[in-house]
Amino acid sequence: MATTRIMPLHVGKGRKEKQAIRATIEYVSNPQKTDGGRLITSYQCDSRVADCEFALAKQQYIARTGRRRGKDDVIAYHVRQAFVPGEVTPEEANRLGVEFARRFTKENHAFIVCTHIDRAHAHNHIIWSAVDLSCTRKFRNFWGSTKAVRRLSDTICIENGLSVIENPKPHGKSYSKWLGDRAVPSHREQLRTALDRALLQNPDTLDSLLTLLEQDGFTVSRRGKSISVQAAGWKKKVRLNSLGSGYTQSDLAAALHKKTPGCSPSPLSLLVDIQAKLRQGKGPGYERWAKVFNLKQLAQTVNYLIENNLLDYAALEEKAQAACAHHSELSGRIKALEARLQQISALRSHIIQYAKTKPVYEAYRKAGYSAKFLAAHEAEILLHKAAKQAFDESGLHKLPTVKALQAEYAAVLQEKRATYAAYRTARDEMRCVLTARANVERLLELPPSIEKEKSHDRE
């Protein structure tokens, strides 16, 4: 199966709200393409008047919330879903499209699913209203939606025994461009598509992303903090901050900062040992749930293995060992930094106490270590001796200044925070790869690997 990214349907120049999606709905619900309308499924709407219903929901949303956007407002979203020729029947394709729409929208939005059979391959057109059923919230497109659509579609395919594309080629087209010469995509849509292509190459920083845009034929210019992009033939530049949610400078920078390879967005879970649970007294209801749960986790595991090129067991084993070693290394480094922070804190405290009690101890020494003087200043003298003993045990011949210790403490603390951020990423990656390996070993009936790290089972 192959899927394209989410395609928002905007209010266009010279078109009213209903007209903005009427042409699209008329195309996808064409009786000649949908077997006389038999392969059209609606949820919480009527496909014949869906454009009117979506527009009415938008007006109710504005009336209830008072929130209104300009001409770039999104009324509905469109996803195209294609299957391998001959792998599914038209009815099965329609059912899978409905399942995808229900799960992706969480049944909070009205939608229609139209299955086309005018080509060699059956394919679905899924359109849902941007406004939810309560008319109080709207679906907002987000960075990474293309990948989210593909992951859910691949998961549904695997659950139903269908094939998936192991190495999908990066592409992203607006609906008007996908139709061919029917319409020309706007400059902003072309730039969003170019950004999608560049993001698929996993740039590390915003500057790296802009470099990829320049390699793609765009001209990038800066004015203060604002970044604008222009392509050959464009009369005006397009500012990144005018591209909408998910494509602004702050959105792109935040996404690149948080982007970490390896682990999938939804964490993997270990497969449930159904027979063992049944022997413990679990009933038929639990067995049905566990079978569905295991099927979904197998689909997630296969997705993870494909995305990380770990279909060979030797590569998976090597990845697991490397992940555990990296996690242990970072864990040891964090412990060492924490120990150094404790040492600095204790040394700083001893230096301060030593300085405060030094006059009292010198007076005690001049008094010939008098028992009467000791009884009167016992607390100060004991603190001074404890500090001196700590210096001797540390082998310090020259005491550092409190200012130097404070600077070192700040530097070590900053390193610990940075290391801990890398540790969390390494921990999540290790959990994913160990869970994937355990699921593969159970599926292939291999003896389980022994690791020092604990596996987490979810029931």
Protein backbone atom coordinates (compact mmCIF):
# COMPACT_ATOMS: atom_id res chain seq x y z
CA MET A 1 0.00 0.00 0.00
CA ALA A 2 1.08 3.59 -0.57
CA THR A 3 -0.31 6.78 0.91
CA THR A 4 0.28 10.45 0.22
CA ARG A 5 0.49 13.13 2.85
CA ILE A 6 -2.49 15.05 4.16
CA MET A 7 -3.73 17.59 1.62
CA PRO A 8 -5.61 20.55 3.16
CA LEU A 9 -8.48 22.01 1.12
CA HIS A 10 -8.40 25.82 1.40
CA VAL A 11 -10.73 28.62 0.55
CA GLY A 12 -9.30 29.85 -2.74
CA LYS A 13 -9.25 33.17 -4.51
CA GLY A 14 -12.60 33.94 -6.10
CA ARG A 15 -14.29 30.90 -4.57
CA LYS A 16 -16.80 30.62 -1.75
CA GLU A 17 -16.37 28.16 1.07
CA LYS A 18 -18.61 25.45 -0.37
CA GLN A 19 -17.06 25.88 -3.81
CA ALA A 20 -13.61 25.27 -2.33
CA ILE A 21 -14.40 21.60 -1.64
CA ARG A 22 -17.36 20.98 -3.94
CA ALA A 23 -15.11 20.33 -6.94
CA THR A 24 -13.01 17.85 -4.98
CA ILE A 25 -16.00 15.97 -3.54
CA GLU A 26 -17.66 15.83 -6.95
CA TYR A 27 -14.51 14.32 -8.39
CA VAL A 28 -13.97 11.68 -5.67
CA SER A 29 -17.68 10.67 -5.57
CA ASN A 30 -17.99 10.33 -9.36
CA PRO A 31 -20.42 7.38 -9.95
CA GLN A 32 -18.33 6.17 -12.89
CA LYS A 33 -15.35 5.75 -10.60
CA THR A 34 -17.20 4.37 -7.54
CA ASP A 35 -19.34 1.69 -9.22
CA GLY A 36 -22.45 3.86 -9.33
CA GLY A 37 -21.86 5.21 -5.84
CA ARG A 38 -21.81 1.74 -4.25
CA LEU A 39 -18.23 2.22 -2.98
CA ILE A 40 -18.95 5.43 -1.06
CA THR A 41 -19.16 5.30 2.74
CA SER A 42 -20.11 8.28 4.90
CA TYR A 43 -19.76 8.90 8.61
CA GLN A 44 -21.89 11.54 10.34
CA CYS A 45 -22.67 13.19 6.99
CA ASP A 46 -24.28 12.62 3.57
CA SER A 47 -21.79 12.35 0.72
CA ARG A 48 -24.28 14.05 -1.64
CA VAL A 49 -24.31 17.27 0.38
CA ALA A 50 -21.05 16.88 2.34
CA ASP A 51 -19.72 20.22 1.08
CA CYS A 52 -22.76 22.01 2.54
CA GLU A 53 -22.52 20.11 5.82
CA PHE A 54 -18.80 20.85 6.20
CA ALA A 55 -19.41 24.55 5.49
CA LEU A 56 -22.29 24.63 8.00
CA ALA A 57 -20.09 23.01 10.65
CA LYS A 58 -17.48 25.70 10.05
CA GLN A 59 -20.07 28.47 10.53
CA GLN A 60 -21.25 26.85 13.76
CA TYR A 61 -17.63 26.63 14.91
CA ILE A 62 -17.16 30.38 14.30
CA ALA A 63 -20.41 31.20 16.09
CA ARG A 64 -19.52 29.11 19.14
CA THR A 65 -15.84 29.99 19.48
CA GLY A 66 -15.53 33.37 17.78
CA ARG A 67 -12.33 32.20 16.11
CA ARG A 68 -12.05 33.12 12.44
CA ARG A 69 -9.19 32.78 9.97
CA GLY A 70 -8.57 34.48 6.65
CA LYS A 71 -8.70 33.24 3.09
CA ASP A 72 -6.25 30.42 3.87
CA ASP A 73 -8.74 28.75 6.21
CA VAL A 74 -8.95 24.96 5.91
CA ILE A 75 -12.43 23.48 5.54
CA ALA A 76 -11.50 19.83 5.07
CA TYR A 77 -8.55 17.47 4.66
CA HIS A 78 -7.94 14.90 1.94
CA VAL A 79 -5.86 11.71 1.95
CA ARG A 80 -5.34 9.39 -0.99
CA GLN A 81 -4.74 5.71 -0.22
CA ALA A 82 -3.64 3.26 -2.94
CA PHE A 83 -3.33 -0.55 -2.90
CA VAL A 84 -1.27 -3.04 -4.85
CA PRO A 85 -3.20 -4.17 -7.98
CA GLY A 86 -5.14 -7.36 -7.32
CA GLU A 87 -4.31 -7.52 -3.61
CA VAL A 88 -7.70 -6.35 -2.32
CA THR A 89 -11.24 -6.26 -3.61
CA PRO A 90 -12.95 -2.87 -3.99
CA GLU A 91 -15.19 -3.67 -1.02
CA GLU A 92 -12.18 -4.58 1.12
CA ALA A 93 -10.36 -1.41 0.08
CA ASN A 94 -13.37 0.67 1.11
CA ARG A 95 -13.54 -1.07 4.47
CA LEU A 96 -9.84 -0.43 5.13
CA GLY A 97 -10.28 3.21 4.15
CA VAL A 98 -13.13 3.58 6.65
CA GLU A 99 -10.99 1.93 9.35
CA PHE A 100 -8.15 4.33 8.60
CA ALA A 101 -10.47 7.36 8.79
CA ARG A 102 -12.05 6.22 12.06
CA ARG A 103 -8.69 5.65 13.74
CA PHE A 104 -6.96 8.75 12.41
CA THR A 105 -9.82 11.13 13.32
CA LYS A 106 -10.72 9.13 16.45
CA GLU A 107 -14.33 9.30 15.19
CA ASN A 108 -14.46 12.97 16.15
CA HIS A 109 -14.91 14.29 12.59
CA ALA A 110 -17.42 13.62 9.82
CA PHE A 111 -15.82 11.95 6.80
CA ILE A 112 -16.50 10.23 3.47
CA VAL A 113 -14.51 7.40 1.90
CA CYS A 114 -14.76 6.95 -1.88
CA THR A 115 -13.10 3.92 -3.48
CA HIS A 116 -12.13 4.33 -7.15
CA ILE A 117 -11.94 1.32 -9.46
CA ASP A 118 -11.24 3.15 -12.73
CA ARG A 119 -7.54 2.26 -12.56
CA ALA A 120 -5.66 -1.03 -12.38
CA HIS A 121 -5.29 -0.53 -8.63
CA ALA A 122 -8.09 0.21 -6.19
CA HIS A 123 -7.52 3.42 -4.29
CA ASN A 124 -9.41 5.45 -1.70
CA HIS A 125 -10.08 9.15 -1.41
CA ILE A 126 -10.72 10.05 2.23
CA ILE A 127 -12.06 13.52 3.05
CA TRP A 128 -12.95 14.68 6.55
CA SER A 129 -14.26 17.94 7.95
CA ALA A 130 -11.71 20.13 9.69
CA VAL A 131 -14.32 20.94 12.37
CA ASP A 132 -15.14 18.21 14.87
CA LEU A 133 -18.66 16.94 15.56
CA SER A 134 -19.13 19.28 18.54
CA CYS A 135 -18.19 22.29 16.39
CA THR A 136 -15.84 23.55 19.12
CA ARG A 137 -12.46 22.31 17.88
CA LYS A 138 -10.64 22.00 14.57
CA PHE A 139 -8.17 19.47 13.24
CA ARG A 140 -4.79 21.14 12.80
CA ASN A 141 -2.26 19.73 10.40
CA PHE A 142 1.02 19.04 12.19
CA TRP A 143 4.66 18.54 11.35
CA GLY A 144 5.23 14.89 10.49
CA SER A 145 1.63 14.25 9.42
CA THR A 146 2.87 12.53 6.25
CA LYS A 147 4.75 9.97 8.31
CA ALA A 148 1.84 9.55 10.73
CA VAL A 149 -0.54 8.81 7.84
CA ARG A 150 1.86 6.28 6.32
CA ARG A 151 2.53 4.56 9.66
CA LEU A 152 -1.17 4.13 10.45
CA SER A 153 -1.89 2.94 6.91
CA ASP A 154 0.99 0.44 7.04
CA THR A 155 -0.17 -0.79 10.45
CA ILE A 156 -3.68 -1.46 9.14
CA CYS A 157 -2.21 -3.25 6.11
CA ILE A 158 -0.05 -5.51 8.27
CA GLU A 159 -2.98 -6.27 10.57
CA ASN A 160 -4.96 -7.39 7.52
CA GLY A 161 -2.13 -9.38 5.92
CA LEU A 162 -1.39 -6.90 3.11
CA SER A 163 1.97 -5.77 1.78
CA VAL A 164 3.64 -2.47 2.60
CA ILE A 165 6.35 -0.42 0.90
CA GLU A 166 9.59 -1.07 2.76
CA ASN A 167 11.51 1.97 1.48
CA PRO A 168 9.00 4.60 0.35
CA LYS A 169 10.45 7.24 -1.94
CA PRO A 170 10.09 10.78 -0.58
CA HIS A 171 7.47 12.77 -2.40
CA GLY A 172 4.72 15.17 -1.56
CA LYS A 173 2.25 16.79 -3.90
CA SER A 174 -0.71 19.02 -3.44
CA TYR A 175 -4.04 17.69 -4.66
CA SER A 176 -4.18 20.13 -7.56
CA LYS A 177 -0.71 19.12 -8.71
CA TRP A 178 -1.53 15.42 -8.34
CA LEU A 179 -4.50 15.89 -10.68
CA GLY A 180 -2.13 17.08 -13.39
CA ASP A 181 -2.88 20.18 -15.43
CA ARG A 182 -6.22 20.87 -13.76
CA ALA A 183 -4.62 23.54 -11.57
CA VAL A 184 -1.22 24.92 -10.62
CA PRO A 185 -0.19 24.71 -6.94
CA SER A 186 0.47 27.97 -5.16
CA HIS A 187 3.98 29.14 -4.32
CA ARG A 188 3.39 28.41 -0.65
CA GLU A 189 2.23 24.88 -1.47
CA GLN A 190 5.31 24.35 -3.62
CA LEU A 191 7.51 25.57 -0.76
CA ARG A 192 5.75 23.29 1.75
CA THR A 193 6.34 20.36 -0.60
CA ALA A 194 10.03 21.31 -0.94
CA LEU A 195 10.33 21.53 2.86
CA ASP A 196 8.79 18.07 3.18
CA ARG A 197 11.37 16.71 0.74
CA ALA A 198 14.20 18.39 2.62
CA LEU A 199 12.99 17.17 6.02
CA LEU A 200 13.02 13.59 4.76
CA GLN A 201 16.81 13.94 4.40
CA ASN A 202 17.08 14.34 8.21
CA PRO A 203 18.86 17.72 8.53
CA ASP A 204 20.25 18.48 11.98
CA THR A 205 19.65 22.23 12.13
CA LEU A 206 17.56 24.92 10.49
CA ASP A 207 20.63 26.11 8.57
CA SER A 208 21.12 22.60 7.19
CA LEU A 209 17.47 22.57 6.11
CA LEU A 210 17.89 25.89 4.30
CA THR A 211 21.03 24.57 2.60
CA LEU A 212 18.98 21.66 1.24
CA LEU A 213 16.42 24.15 -0.08
CA GLU A 214 19.17 26.03 -1.90
CA GLN A 215 20.40 22.77 -3.40
CA ASP A 216 16.84 22.19 -4.59
CA GLY A 217 16.96 25.43 -6.61
CA PHE A 218 15.49 27.93 -4.13
CA THR A 219 17.05 31.23 -3.06
CA VAL A 220 17.11 31.85 0.69
CA SER A 221 17.42 35.39 2.05
CA ARG A 222 17.44 36.78 5.57
CA ARG A 223 16.32 40.15 6.90
CA GLY A 224 16.89 40.37 10.60
CA LYS A 225 15.30 37.27 12.10
CA SER A 226 12.92 36.78 9.17
CA ILE A 227 13.72 34.15 6.52
CA SER A 228 12.26 34.33 3.01
CA VAL A 229 12.49 31.87 0.12
CA GLN A 230 12.10 32.46 -3.61
CA ALA A 231 12.24 30.18 -6.65
CA ALA A 232 12.91 30.92 -10.30
CA GLY A 233 9.85 32.52 -11.89
CA TRP A 234 8.40 33.80 -8.63
CA LYS A 235 7.80 37.56 -8.55
CA LYS A 236 7.72 37.74 -4.77
CA LYS A 237 9.51 36.05 -1.91
CA VAL A 238 7.63 33.82 0.52
CA ARG A 239 8.34 34.17 4.23
CA LEU A 240 8.53 30.94 6.22
CA ASN A 241 6.30 32.44 8.90
CA SER A 242 3.52 32.81 6.32
CA LEU A 243 3.36 29.08 5.53
CA GLY A 244 1.04 28.21 8.39
CA SER A 245 1.22 25.83 11.34
CA GLY A 246 4.02 23.29 11.15
CA TYR A 247 6.14 25.23 8.66
CA THR A 248 7.01 28.46 10.50
CA GLN A 249 10.59 29.14 11.58
CA SER A 250 9.86 28.31 15.21
CA ASP A 251 7.95 25.14 14.27
CA LEU A 252 10.74 23.91 12.01
CA ALA A 253 13.46 24.75 14.53
CA ALA A 254 11.56 23.02 17.35
CA ALA A 255 10.91 19.94 15.22
CA LEU A 256 14.57 19.67 14.19
CA HIS A 257 15.67 20.12 17.80
CA LYS A 258 13.37 17.35 19.05
CA LYS A 259 13.96 15.07 16.09
CA THR A 260 15.78 11.90 17.11
CA PRO A 261 16.22 8.85 14.90
CA GLY A 262 15.56 5.32 15.99
CA CYS A 263 12.50 4.88 18.12
CA SER A 264 9.00 5.11 16.74
CA PRO A 265 6.55 7.75 18.11
CA SER A 266 4.30 5.14 19.68
CA PRO A 267 6.42 2.90 21.98
CA LEU A 268 6.60 -0.81 21.31
CA SER A 269 5.34 -3.33 23.85
CA LEU A 270 6.24 -6.93 24.46
CA LEU A 271 3.92 -9.59 23.10
CA VAL A 272 1.61 -11.19 25.63
CA ASP A 273 2.17 -14.88 26.40
CA ILE A 274 -1.48 -15.82 25.94
CA GLN A 275 -1.14 -19.46 26.96
CA ALA A 276 0.64 -18.55 30.19
CA LYS A 277 -2.09 -16.02 31.02
CA LEU A 278 -4.80 -18.59 30.34
CA ARG A 279 -3.09 -21.02 32.69
CA GLN A 280 -3.19 -18.29 35.33
CA GLY A 281 -6.96 -18.15 35.04
CA LYS A 282 -7.61 -15.50 32.41
CA GLY A 283 -10.87 -15.94 30.50
CA PRO A 284 -12.01 -15.87 26.85
CA GLY A 285 -12.46 -12.10 26.92
CA TYR A 286 -8.84 -11.59 27.87
CA GLU A 287 -7.77 -14.04 25.17
CA ARG A 288 -9.62 -12.06 22.48
CA TRP A 289 -8.08 -8.81 23.68
CA ALA A 290 -4.58 -10.33 23.84
CA LYS A 291 -4.80 -11.65 20.26
CA VAL A 292 -5.71 -8.22 18.93
CA PHE A 293 -3.03 -6.59 21.10
CA ASN A 294 -0.34 -9.00 19.85
CA LEU A 295 -1.37 -8.42 16.26
CA LYS A 296 -1.06 -4.67 16.65
CA GLN A 297 2.31 -4.96 18.39
CA LEU A 298 3.59 -7.21 15.60
CA ALA A 299 2.54 -4.56 13.09
CA GLN A 300 4.34 -1.87 15.12
CA THR A 301 7.42 -4.09 15.37
CA VAL A 302 7.52 -4.71 11.62
CA ASN A 303 7.18 -0.96 11.00
CA TYR A 304 10.08 -0.30 13.36
CA LEU A 305 12.28 -2.93 11.72
CA ILE A 306 11.54 -1.60 8.22
CA GLU A 307 12.14 2.04 9.14
CA ASN A 308 15.46 1.25 10.82
CA ASN A 309 16.63 -1.30 8.22
CA LEU A 310 16.81 -4.11 10.81
CA LEU A 311 15.10 -6.91 8.88
CA ASP A 312 18.24 -9.05 9.25
CA TYR A 313 18.40 -10.62 12.74
CA ALA A 314 22.18 -10.15 12.94
CA ALA A 315 21.74 -6.41 12.34
CA LEU A 316 19.00 -6.31 15.00
CA GLU A 317 21.25 -8.10 17.50
CA GLU A 318 24.13 -5.73 16.76
CA LYS A 319 21.82 -2.74 17.15
CA ALA A 320 20.56 -4.05 20.51
CA GLN A 321 24.09 -4.56 21.85
CA ALA A 322 25.19 -1.13 20.68
CA ALA A 323 22.11 0.50 22.23
CA CYS A 324 22.74 -1.21 25.59
CA ALA A 325 26.42 -0.25 25.53
CA HIS A 326 25.61 3.39 24.73
CA HIS A 327 22.98 3.49 27.46
CA SER A 328 25.41 2.03 30.02
CA GLU A 329 28.12 4.49 28.99
CA LEU A 330 25.85 7.49 29.47
CA SER A 331 24.52 6.08 32.73
CA GLY A 332 28.07 5.72 34.08
CA ARG A 333 28.94 9.23 32.98
CA ILE A 334 25.90 10.66 34.77
CA LYS A 335 26.85 8.84 37.98
CA ALA A 336 30.39 10.20 37.75
CA LEU A 337 29.11 13.75 37.26
CA GLU A 338 26.71 13.39 40.20
CA ALA A 339 29.57 12.15 42.38
CA ARG A 340 31.69 15.14 41.36
CA LEU A 341 28.83 17.53 42.18
CA GLN A 342 28.63 16.02 45.67
CA GLN A 343 32.39 16.36 46.10
CA ILE A 344 32.34 20.01 45.04
CA SER A 345 29.41 20.77 47.33
CA ALA A 346 31.07 19.07 50.30
CA LEU A 347 34.43 20.74 49.61
CA ARG A 348 32.82 24.15 49.31
CA SER A 349 31.02 23.63 52.61
CA HIS A 350 34.28 22.55 54.32
CA ILE A 351 36.17 25.58 52.96
CA ILE A 352 33.50 27.96 54.23
CA GLN A 353 33.41 26.31 57.66
CA TYR A 354 37.21 26.22 57.81
CA ALA A 355 37.41 29.95 57.14
CA LYS A 356 34.70 30.78 59.65
CA THR A 357 36.18 28.70 62.49
CA LYS A 358 39.87 29.49 61.85
CA PRO A 359 40.06 32.43 64.34
CA VAL A 360 38.48 30.33 67.10
CA TYR A 361 40.89 27.42 66.46
CA GLU A 362 43.93 29.74 66.47
CA ALA A 363 42.75 31.18 69.79
CA TYR A 364 42.33 27.63 71.10
CA ARG A 365 45.87 26.79 70.05
CA LYS A 366 47.27 29.96 71.70
CA ALA A 367 45.42 29.01 74.90
CA GLY A 368 47.52 25.84 74.99
CA TYR A 369 44.60 23.66 73.94
CA SER A 370 42.85 24.52 77.19
CA ALA A 371 40.05 22.18 78.23
CA LYS A 372 38.08 25.15 79.51
CA PHE A 373 38.38 26.93 76.10
CA LEU A 374 37.42 23.69 74.31
CA ALA A 375 34.29 23.32 76.42
CA ALA A 376 33.26 26.88 75.57
CA HIS A 377 33.88 26.57 71.78
CA GLU A 378 33.57 22.85 71.16
CA ALA A 379 31.24 23.09 68.11
CA GLU A 380 33.48 25.51 66.19
CA ILE A 381 36.64 23.54 66.98
CA LEU A 382 35.08 20.23 65.86
CA LEU A 383 33.93 21.79 62.56
CA HIS A 384 37.43 23.14 61.96
CA LYS A 385 39.04 19.74 62.62
CA ALA A 386 36.54 17.97 60.37
CA ALA A 387 37.26 20.39 57.52
CA LYS A 388 41.04 19.96 57.97
CA GLN A 389 40.65 16.17 57.97
CA ALA A 390 38.61 16.32 54.73
CA PHE A 391 41.37 18.38 53.08
CA ASP A 392 44.02 15.88 54.17
CA GLU A 393 42.00 12.92 52.88
CA SER A 394 41.54 14.65 49.51
CA GLY A 395 45.27 15.34 49.24
CA LEU A 396 44.72 19.09 48.85
CA HIS A 397 47.83 21.15 49.55
CA LYS A 398 46.33 24.39 48.22
CA LEU A 399 42.65 25.08 48.70
CA PRO A 400 40.65 26.31 45.69
CA THR A 401 38.61 29.47 46.03
CA VAL A 402 34.87 29.31 46.58
CA LYS A 403 34.37 31.25 43.34
CA ALA A 404 36.34 28.64 41.37
CA LEU A 405 34.33 25.84 42.95
CA GLN A 406 31.07 27.58 42.07
CA ALA A 407 32.18 27.95 38.45
CA GLU A 408 33.16 24.27 38.27
CA TYR A 409 29.87 23.25 39.88
CA ALA A 410 27.91 25.20 37.25
CA ALA A 411 29.94 23.65 34.42
CA VAL A 412 29.51 20.10 35.75
CA LEU A 413 25.80 20.66 36.31
CA GLN A 414 25.37 21.90 32.74
CA GLU A 415 27.23 18.85 31.41
CA LYS A 416 25.03 16.58 33.52
CA ARG A 417 21.85 18.12 32.12
CA ALA A 418 23.09 17.73 28.54
CA THR A 419 24.19 14.16 29.22
CA TYR A 420 20.87 13.34 30.82
CA ALA A 421 19.00 14.55 27.75
CA ALA A 422 21.13 12.21 25.62
CA TYR A 423 20.58 9.47 28.23
CA ARG A 424 16.78 9.72 27.92
CA THR A 425 17.05 9.41 24.15
CA ALA A 426 19.41 6.44 24.45
CA ARG A 427 17.12 4.81 27.03
CA ASP A 428 14.06 5.11 24.77
CA GLU A 429 16.01 3.79 21.79
CA MET A 430 17.32 0.87 23.85
CA ARG A 431 13.81 -0.01 25.05
CA CYS A 432 12.49 0.04 21.49
CA VAL A 433 15.20 -2.16 20.03
CA LEU A 434 15.14 -4.63 22.95
CA THR A 435 11.36 -4.90 22.72
CA ALA A 436 11.54 -5.40 18.96
CA ARG A 437 14.20 -8.09 19.38
CA ALA A 438 12.18 -9.87 22.08
CA ASN A 439 9.08 -9.87 19.85
CA VAL A 440 11.08 -11.24 16.92
CA GLU A 441 12.59 -13.97 19.10
CA ARG A 442 9.16 -14.98 20.37
CA LEU A 443 7.75 -15.01 16.86
CA LEU A 444 10.65 -17.11 15.53
CA GLU A 445 10.70 -19.24 18.71
CA LEU A 446 14.32 -18.34 19.42
CA PRO A 447 15.81 -18.53 22.92
CA PRO A 448 15.51 -15.13 24.60
CA SER A 449 18.65 -12.99 24.78
CA ILE A 450 20.06 -12.11 28.18
CA GLU A 451 20.62 -8.42 28.84
CA LYS A 452 21.45 -6.55 31.96
CA GLU A 453 18.73 -4.02 31.21
CA LYS A 454 15.22 -4.88 32.31
CA SER A 455 12.49 -5.32 29.72
CA HIS A 456 9.15 -3.62 30.33
CA ASP A 457 6.02 -5.67 29.74
CA ARG A 458 2.60 -4.06 29.39
CA GLU A 459 -0.52 -6.02 30.16
